[in-house]
C-alpha cells in the first residue's frame, strides 16, 4: 500500500508537468481523483503524483 503520503484535501504536484492539483480522493488501488486549479476532476495514477511534502524535502536537500 504505497500512496506516497497523498492525503485527501491536500495539494500534490504532477511529476511530469509540475502542475499543482488538489487531491480529492486517494485509492489504494493505484489511482487518485484530483482537481485542477482550472476546474475539473480527473483520475490519475498515484505514480504520477508527488505530495508537496515530498517535493519540499527534496528541494531542501538540494540546497
Protein backbone atom coordinates (compact mmCIF):
# COMPACT_ATOMS: atom_id res chain seq x y z
CA UNK A 1 0.00 0.00 0.00
CA UNK A 2 2.12 2.90 -1.26
CA UNK A 3 0.14 6.11 -1.52
CA UNK A 4 3.27 8.29 -1.30
CA UNK A 5 1.81 10.27 1.62
CA UNK A 6 -1.02 11.54 -0.58
CA UNK A 7 -3.70 12.96 1.70
CA UNK A 8 -7.26 13.76 0.71
CA UNK A 9 -7.85 17.52 0.67
CA UNK A 10 -4.14 18.40 0.40
CA UNK A 11 -2.15 19.63 -2.58
CA UNK A 12 0.04 17.45 -4.77
CA UNK A 13 2.20 18.02 -7.83
CA UNK A 14 2.02 16.15 -11.13
CA UNK A 15 5.57 14.88 -11.61
CA UNK A 16 5.72 15.24 -15.39
CA UNK A 17 4.27 18.76 -15.68
CA UNK A 18 4.88 20.35 -12.29
CA UNK A 19 1.24 21.37 -12.10
CA UNK A 20 -0.21 21.63 -8.58
CA UNK A 21 -3.56 19.89 -8.02
CA UNK A 22 -5.86 19.24 -5.08
CA UNK A 23 -6.27 15.58 -4.07
CA UNK A 24 -9.97 14.81 -3.81
CA UNK A 25 -9.81 11.01 -3.22
CA UNK A 26 -6.98 8.53 -2.77
CA UNK A 27 -7.43 4.88 -3.73
CA UNK A 28 -5.20 2.09 -2.51
CA UNK A 29 -5.68 0.51 -5.95
CA UNK A 30 -3.13 2.83 -7.57
CA UNK A 31 -5.01 5.96 -8.59
CA UNK A 32 -6.37 9.21 -7.14
CA UNK A 33 -9.01 11.72 -8.13
CA UNK A 34 -7.55 15.21 -8.39
CA UNK A 35 -8.99 18.65 -9.11
CA UNK A 36 -7.08 21.03 -11.33
CA UNK A 37 -6.95 24.73 -10.42
CA UNK A 38 -8.65 25.50 -13.74
CA UNK A 39 -11.52 23.18 -12.79
CA UNK A 40 -12.45 19.61 -13.44
CA UNK A 41 -11.86 16.36 -11.58
CA UNK A 42 -9.74 13.65 -13.16
CA UNK A 43 -8.37 10.25 -12.20
CA UNK A 44 -4.58 9.96 -12.28
CA UNK A 45 -2.14 7.24 -11.31
CA UNK A 46 -0.54 7.67 -7.89
CA UNK A 47 2.85 7.04 -9.53
CA UNK A 48 2.41 10.30 -11.45
CA UNK A 49 1.82 12.38 -8.30
CA UNK A 50 4.20 13.77 -5.69
CA UNK A 51 2.93 15.05 -2.38
CA UNK A 52 4.07 18.61 -1.75
CA UNK A 53 5.77 17.43 1.46
CA UNK A 54 7.98 15.12 -0.67
CA UNK A 55 8.78 17.99 -3.04
CA UNK A 56 9.77 20.35 -0.20
CA UNK A 57 12.06 17.72 1.36
CA UNK A 58 13.74 17.06 -2.00
CA UNK A 59 14.34 20.76 -2.70
CA UNK A 60 15.67 21.40 0.81
CA UNK A 61 18.10 18.53 0.36
CA UNK A 62 19.41 20.05 -2.90
CA UNK A 63 20.31 23.40 -1.29
